[in-house]
């Protein structure tokens, strides 16, 4: 007669091992690290995304870890356990600019992260305070050349995507004398531009920036996307305004520490796809100047980041950007 212990051992041996090893995910709240201070373009995507995940993945706790142009928060995620409970909302600053320009990079954007999904792409604007006597991008360029050293532009900080876009514009427009004024975040730069303390600003396009333009408190001259934005169809692109090659797009995408199980990557990606399939969510993003990307899964996001690294590396090298 078989002993009960022998029967149990036999049943365990016959059971499919993956079924025994498989754990339910998620079993606790997920942490989404936004590598910039609160109130910027990353919050405008990250917090609504977290809210949309509640019925799909459970609680997502948003944590802002600003500093070093996004490197501090991104590095924290790269060092986190690869278990799906710490995610990064990365973008051009954390995944492109800093890894290329840093003298001592804190991480490798290709090796230290697994891409999950690209949520949205956002363009930037070249905007001026209403007191600046120009009505078009070409008039701004002419004014800058006729008044060398008189204009300055504000950015979210040295090494930010706003900074890189501003320097690309100066180079392509042949207006090197526009002075860069770095701020500690996009919010302070925008505040000073609206108050007239700085004449030019290169902000990410958000609902706030669109409203400032529509109310006349800020004058957007052009956007830096390849095509006009649905939220601002009357505004020309910088290329249409005469600056050939002036394309700068920030992106907001989800990343996990390298080595995160592919089943978890796929689950988060599917939840994100489901959220972006909702017409109300897409419309809210579009109205705020974002371009939702419902079909950019892990493979597509990985390729996109690779292409952006290849595109921006020569630009950063040419302008000599170095980040300590």
Protein backbone atom coordinates (compact mmCIF):
# COMPACT_ATOMS: atom_id res chain seq x y z
CA UNK A 1 0.00 0.00 0.00
CA UNK A 2 1.38 3.41 -0.92
CA UNK A 3 2.01 5.77 1.94
CA UNK A 4 0.29 9.14 1.84
CA UNK A 5 3.67 10.91 1.59
CA UNK A 6 4.58 8.91 -1.51
CA UNK A 7 1.28 9.82 -3.17
CA UNK A 8 1.82 13.53 -2.45
CA UNK A 9 5.35 13.44 -3.86
CA UNK A 10 4.05 11.73 -7.00
CA UNK A 11 1.36 14.33 -7.52
CA UNK A 12 3.81 17.19 -7.11
CA UNK A 13 6.20 15.59 -9.57
CA UNK A 14 3.42 15.24 -12.13
CA UNK A 15 2.17 18.81 -11.77
CA UNK A 16 3.32 21.38 -14.40
CA UNK A 17 6.20 23.31 -12.84
CA UNK A 18 5.27 26.70 -14.38
CA UNK A 19 1.85 26.51 -12.76
CA UNK A 20 3.40 25.90 -9.36
CA UNK A 21 5.99 28.64 -9.78
CA UNK A 22 3.68 31.23 -11.26
CA UNK A 23 2.79 34.06 -8.87
CA UNK A 24 -0.02 36.48 -9.31
CA UNK A 25 1.07 39.96 -10.42
CA UNK A 26 0.63 42.47 -9.01
CA UNK A 27 0.18 41.51 -5.37
CA UNK A 28 1.04 44.93 -3.98
CA UNK A 29 1.15 48.56 -5.19
CA UNK A 30 3.40 49.41 -8.11
CA UNK A 31 5.73 52.39 -7.83
CA UNK A 32 6.02 54.70 -10.86
CA UNK A 33 9.09 56.92 -10.66
CA UNK A 34 8.82 60.24 -12.48
CA UNK A 35 12.40 61.54 -12.71
CA UNK A 36 11.44 65.23 -12.61
CA UNK A 37 9.84 67.59 -10.07
CA UNK A 38 6.03 67.72 -9.82
CA UNK A 39 3.99 69.85 -12.17
CA UNK A 40 5.75 69.27 -15.48
CA UNK A 41 4.96 67.38 -18.67
CA UNK A 42 5.85 64.03 -17.07
CA UNK A 43 3.25 64.51 -14.35
CA UNK A 44 0.68 65.41 -17.01
CA UNK A 45 1.12 61.91 -18.44
CA UNK A 46 2.22 59.84 -15.45
CA UNK A 47 -0.55 60.68 -13.02
CA UNK A 48 -3.47 60.14 -15.43
CA UNK A 49 -1.83 56.87 -16.53
CA UNK A 50 -1.56 55.75 -12.90
CA UNK A 51 -5.26 56.54 -12.36
CA UNK A 52 -6.19 54.52 -15.44
CA UNK A 53 -4.23 51.52 -14.14
CA UNK A 54 -6.32 51.11 -10.98
CA UNK A 55 -8.94 48.80 -12.52
CA UNK A 56 -6.31 47.09 -14.69
CA UNK A 57 -3.27 46.59 -12.44
CA UNK A 58 -4.28 47.94 -9.05
CA UNK A 59 -2.75 50.82 -7.16
CA UNK A 60 0.12 52.71 -8.78
CA UNK A 61 1.96 55.10 -6.47
CA UNK A 62 3.59 58.01 -8.28
CA UNK A 63 6.92 59.16 -6.88
CA UNK A 64 8.75 62.25 -8.20
CA UNK A 65 12.53 61.90 -7.98
CA UNK A 66 13.92 64.96 -9.73
CA UNK A 67 17.55 65.90 -10.22
CA UNK A 68 20.34 65.84 -12.80
CA UNK A 69 17.99 66.15 -15.77
CA UNK A 70 16.17 62.93 -14.94
CA UNK A 71 19.26 60.85 -14.18
CA UNK A 72 18.69 60.49 -10.43
CA UNK A 73 15.24 58.93 -10.75
CA UNK A 74 16.21 56.81 -13.74
CA UNK A 75 19.28 55.46 -11.96
CA UNK A 76 17.14 54.53 -8.95
CA UNK A 77 14.89 52.45 -11.20
CA UNK A 78 17.86 50.84 -12.96
CA UNK A 79 19.11 49.63 -9.54
CA UNK A 80 15.69 48.45 -8.35
CA UNK A 81 14.59 44.81 -8.19
CA UNK A 82 13.48 43.50 -11.58
CA UNK A 83 10.12 42.32 -10.27
CA UNK A 84 7.69 44.72 -11.95
CA UNK A 85 7.03 46.78 -8.83
CA UNK A 86 9.28 49.72 -9.77
CA UNK A 87 8.74 51.40 -13.12
CA UNK A 88 10.16 54.49 -14.79
CA UNK A 89 8.32 57.08 -16.85
CA UNK A 90 11.30 57.98 -19.00
CA UNK A 91 11.73 60.33 -21.92
CA UNK A 92 14.19 62.32 -23.95
CA UNK A 93 16.05 63.68 -20.95
CA UNK A 94 16.56 60.48 -19.03
CA UNK A 95 16.92 58.02 -21.89
CA UNK A 96 18.62 60.10 -24.60
CA UNK A 97 20.35 63.32 -23.53
CA UNK A 98 21.89 62.35 -20.22
CA UNK A 99 23.33 59.01 -21.34
CA UNK A 100 24.96 60.70 -24.33
CA UNK A 101 26.18 63.91 -22.69
CA UNK A 102 27.07 62.79 -19.17
CA UNK A 103 30.79 62.57 -18.46
CA UNK A 104 30.04 59.75 -16.02
CA UNK A 105 26.73 58.14 -17.04
CA UNK A 106 24.82 56.57 -14.17
CA UNK A 107 23.25 53.93 -16.42
CA UNK A 108 23.07 52.56 -19.95
CA UNK A 109 19.62 53.25 -21.45
CA UNK A 110 19.82 50.16 -23.67
CA UNK A 111 21.27 47.63 -21.20
CA UNK A 112 19.84 48.71 -17.85
CA UNK A 113 16.16 48.96 -18.81
CA UNK A 114 13.51 46.87 -20.49
CA UNK A 115 11.10 48.92 -22.61
CA UNK A 116 7.40 48.38 -21.91
CA UNK A 117 5.35 50.85 -23.94
CA UNK A 118 5.51 54.34 -25.40
CA UNK A 119 2.53 56.30 -24.10
CA UNK A 120 2.78 59.59 -25.98
CA UNK A 121 4.98 61.87 -28.04
CA UNK A 122 4.99 65.58 -27.40
CA UNK A 123 6.45 68.40 -29.41
CA UNK A 124 7.99 71.56 -28.11
CA UNK A 125 7.15 75.16 -28.85
CA UNK A 126 9.26 78.18 -29.65
CA UNK A 127 7.38 80.92 -27.86
CA UNK A 128 7.88 84.55 -26.90
CA UNK A 129 6.44 87.04 -24.46
CA UNK A 130 3.90 89.32 -26.23
CA UNK A 131 6.22 92.29 -25.76
CA UNK A 132 8.77 90.81 -28.18
CA UNK A 133 8.10 92.64 -31.50
CA UNK A 134 7.77 89.58 -33.74
CA UNK A 135 4.84 87.72 -35.26
CA UNK A 136 6.54 84.73 -36.84
CA UNK A 137 9.52 82.45 -36.37
CA UNK A 138 11.37 84.08 -39.25
CA UNK A 139 10.82 87.51 -37.68
CA UNK A 140 12.27 86.16 -34.43
CA UNK A 141 15.35 84.95 -36.28
CA UNK A 142 15.73 88.30 -38.07
CA UNK A 143 15.28 90.18 -34.79
CA UNK A 144 17.90 88.01 -33.07
CA UNK A 145 20.41 88.62 -35.86
CA UNK A 146 19.74 92.36 -35.87
CA UNK A 147 20.07 92.56 -32.08
CA UNK A 148 22.91 90.21 -31.12
CA UNK A 149 23.00 89.43 -27.41
CA UNK A 150 19.63 91.02 -26.69
CA UNK A 151 17.52 87.85 -26.64
CA UNK A 152 17.66 84.98 -24.19
CA UNK A 153 15.60 81.83 -23.85
CA UNK A 154 14.63 79.83 -20.79
CA UNK A 155 14.75 76.07 -20.40
CA UNK A 156 14.06 73.49 -17.71
CA UNK A 157 17.79 73.27 -17.04
CA UNK A 158 21.14 72.40 -18.58
CA UNK A 159 20.79 69.11 -20.40
CA UNK A 160 17.00 69.20 -20.52
CA UNK A 161 15.20 68.46 -23.76
CA UNK A 162 14.14 72.12 -23.81
CA UNK A 163 17.79 73.14 -23.68
CA UNK A 164 18.78 70.78 -26.48
CA UNK A 165 15.88 71.98 -28.63
CA UNK A 166 16.83 75.60 -28.03
CA UNK A 167 20.43 74.96 -29.04
CA UNK A 168 19.35 73.05 -32.14
CA UNK A 169 17.16 75.99 -33.12
CA UNK A 170 20.02 78.47 -32.64
CA UNK A 171 22.29 76.33 -34.77
CA UNK A 172 19.84 75.73 -37.63
CA UNK A 173 18.61 79.35 -37.60
CA UNK A 174 22.12 80.81 -37.56
CA UNK A 175 21.38 82.81 -34.42
CA UNK A 176 24.10 81.75 -31.96
CA UNK A 177 23.84 84.91 -29.83
CA UNK A 178 20.55 83.95 -28.18
CA UNK A 179 21.58 83.35 -24.56
CA UNK A 180 20.50 80.20 -22.74
CA UNK A 181 19.10 80.76 -19.25
CA UNK A 182 18.66 77.45 -17.39
CA UNK A 183 16.01 77.15 -14.69
CA UNK A 184 15.39 74.49 -12.06
CA UNK A 185 12.48 72.94 -13.89
CA UNK A 186 10.06 73.81 -16.66
CA UNK A 187 7.60 75.54 -14.33
CA UNK A 188 9.90 78.38 -13.23
CA UNK A 189 11.03 78.98 -16.82
CA UNK A 190 7.46 79.25 -18.01
CA UNK A 191 6.52 81.54 -15.13
CA UNK A 192 9.32 83.95 -15.97
CA UNK A 193 8.43 83.90 -19.67
CA UNK A 194 4.80 84.76 -18.93
CA UNK A 195 5.82 87.55 -16.57
CA UNK A 196 8.21 88.99 -19.15
CA UNK A 197 11.41 88.37 -17.21
CA UNK A 198 12.71 86.32 -20.12
CA UNK A 199 11.69 86.98 -23.73
CA UNK A 200 11.83 83.50 -25.26
CA UNK A 201 11.01 80.07 -23.91
CA UNK A 202 11.14 76.57 -25.41
CA UNK A 203 8.56 74.58 -23.44
CA UNK A 204 7.08 71.16 -23.93
CA UNK A 205 3.58 71.59 -25.30
CA UNK A 206 1.05 70.92 -22.57
CA UNK A 207 -2.51 71.98 -21.87
CA UNK A 208 -1.15 74.82 -19.75
CA UNK A 209 1.08 76.11 -22.55
CA UNK A 210 -1.78 75.89 -25.05
CA UNK A 211 -4.05 77.89 -22.72
CA UNK A 212 -1.36 80.54 -22.19
CA UNK A 213 -1.08 80.90 -25.97
CA UNK A 214 -4.83 81.12 -26.49
CA UNK A 215 -5.20 83.71 -23.73
CA UNK A 216 -2.47 85.87 -25.27
CA UNK A 217 -0.12 85.63 -22.28
CA UNK A 218 2.42 83.72 -24.37
CA UNK A 219 2.86 83.71 -28.13
CA UNK A 220 3.79 80.40 -29.74
CA UNK A 221 5.51 81.02 -33.06
CA UNK A 222 6.01 77.42 -34.17
CA UNK A 223 6.00 73.83 -32.98
CA UNK A 224 8.88 71.42 -33.44
CA UNK A 225 6.96 68.33 -34.53
CA UNK A 226 7.22 66.99 -38.12
CA UNK A 227 3.54 67.79 -38.70
CA UNK A 228 1.10 70.25 -37.16
CA UNK A 229 -0.51 69.28 -33.88
CA UNK A 230 -4.19 68.40 -33.72
CA UNK A 231 -4.54 70.66 -30.69
CA UNK A 232 -2.94 73.62 -32.51
CA UNK A 233 -3.80 73.16 -36.19
CA UNK A 234 -3.32 76.84 -37.08
CA UNK A 235 0.28 76.97 -35.86
CA UNK A 236 3.05 76.13 -38.33
CA UNK A 237 5.83 73.68 -37.69
CA UNK A 238 9.33 75.13 -37.48
CA UNK A 239 10.09 73.48 -40.81
CA UNK A 240 7.09 75.17 -42.43
CA UNK A 241 8.32 78.43 -40.90
CA UNK A 242 11.58 78.09 -42.77
CA UNK A 243 13.97 76.28 -40.39
CA UNK A 244 14.87 73.12 -42.27
CA UNK A 245 15.58 70.09 -40.10
CA UNK A 246 14.06 71.64 -36.97
CA UNK A 247 12.40 68.55 -35.50
CA UNK A 248 12.46 67.88 -31.77
CA UNK A 249 10.04 65.47 -30.14
CA UNK A 250 10.05 64.45 -26.54
CA UNK A 251 8.51 61.13 -25.67
CA UNK A 252 7.09 59.56 -22.56
CA UNK A 253 7.48 55.84 -22.20
CA UNK A 254 7.40 53.15 -19.53
CA UNK A 255 10.53 51.22 -18.60
CA UNK A 256 11.36 48.52 -16.07
CA UNK A 257 14.72 47.39 -14.67
CA UNK A 258 16.52 45.05 -17.05
CA UNK A 259 15.64 41.43 -16.46
CA UNK A 260 12.02 42.00 -15.52
CA UNK A 261 10.01 38.88 -16.49
CA UNK A 262 8.56 39.19 -19.97
CA UNK A 263 5.14 38.10 -18.74
CA UNK A 264 5.05 41.16 -16.46
CA UNK A 265 6.30 43.44 -19.24
CA UNK A 266 3.52 42.12 -21.47
CA UNK A 267 0.88 42.56 -18.75
CA UNK A 268 1.79 46.21 -18.12
CA UNK A 269 2.00 46.84 -21.85
CA UNK A 270 -1.44 45.35 -22.44
CA UNK A 271 -2.92 47.44 -19.60
CA UNK A 272 -1.39 50.55 -21.16
CA UNK A 273 -2.76 49.61 -24.58
CA UNK A 274 -6.20 49.13 -23.04
CA UNK A 275 -6.05 52.57 -21.40
CA UNK A 276 -4.95 54.25 -24.64
CA UNK A 277 -7.74 52.49 -26.54
CA UNK A 278 -10.23 54.52 -24.52
CA UNK A 279 -11.42 57.42 -26.67
CA UNK A 280 -11.91 59.72 -23.71
CA UNK A 281 -8.33 59.22 -22.50
CA UNK A 282 -6.90 59.71 -26.00
CA UNK A 283 -8.93 62.88 -26.48
CA UNK A 284 -7.74 64.29 -23.17
CA UNK A 285 -4.12 63.68 -24.20
CA UNK A 286 -4.63 65.13 -27.69
CA UNK A 287 -6.31 68.26 -26.33
CA UNK A 288 -3.24 68.82 -24.15
CA UNK A 289 -0.89 68.68 -27.15
CA UNK A 290 0.21 65.06 -26.80
CA UNK A 291 0.16 62.46 -29.55
CA UNK A 292 -1.05 59.17 -28.00
CA UNK A 293 0.77 56.04 -29.18
CA UNK A 294 -1.55 53.08 -28.55
CA UNK A 295 0.40 50.70 -30.81
CA UNK A 296 3.91 51.24 -29.45
CA UNK A 297 4.63 48.10 -27.46
CA UNK A 298 7.94 46.87 -26.06
CA UNK A 299 9.65 46.13 -29.39
CA UNK A 300 8.46 49.35 -31.04
CA UNK A 301 9.51 51.43 -28.03
CA UNK A 302 12.94 49.81 -27.97
CA UNK A 303 13.45 50.64 -31.66
CA UNK A 304 12.21 54.20 -31.17
CA UNK A 305 14.70 54.85 -28.36
CA UNK A 306 17.52 53.34 -30.43
CA UNK A 307 16.66 55.61 -33.36
CA UNK A 308 16.46 58.70 -31.14
CA UNK A 309 19.86 57.90 -29.62
CA UNK A 310 21.33 57.66 -33.12
CA UNK A 311 19.63 60.89 -34.23
CA UNK A 312 20.59 63.06 -31.26
CA UNK A 313 24.14 61.82 -30.64
CA UNK A 314 25.71 63.89 -33.48
CA UNK A 315 23.69 66.96 -32.44
CA UNK A 316 24.88 66.74 -28.83
CA UNK A 317 28.44 66.16 -29.98
CA UNK A 318 28.28 69.14 -32.34
CA UNK A 319 27.07 71.63 -29.72
CA UNK A 320 29.57 70.21 -27.23
CA UNK A 321 27.04 69.51 -24.47
CA UNK A 322 28.74 67.99 -21.41
CA UNK A 323 26.94 67.11 -18.20
CA UNK A 324 28.90 66.50 -15.01
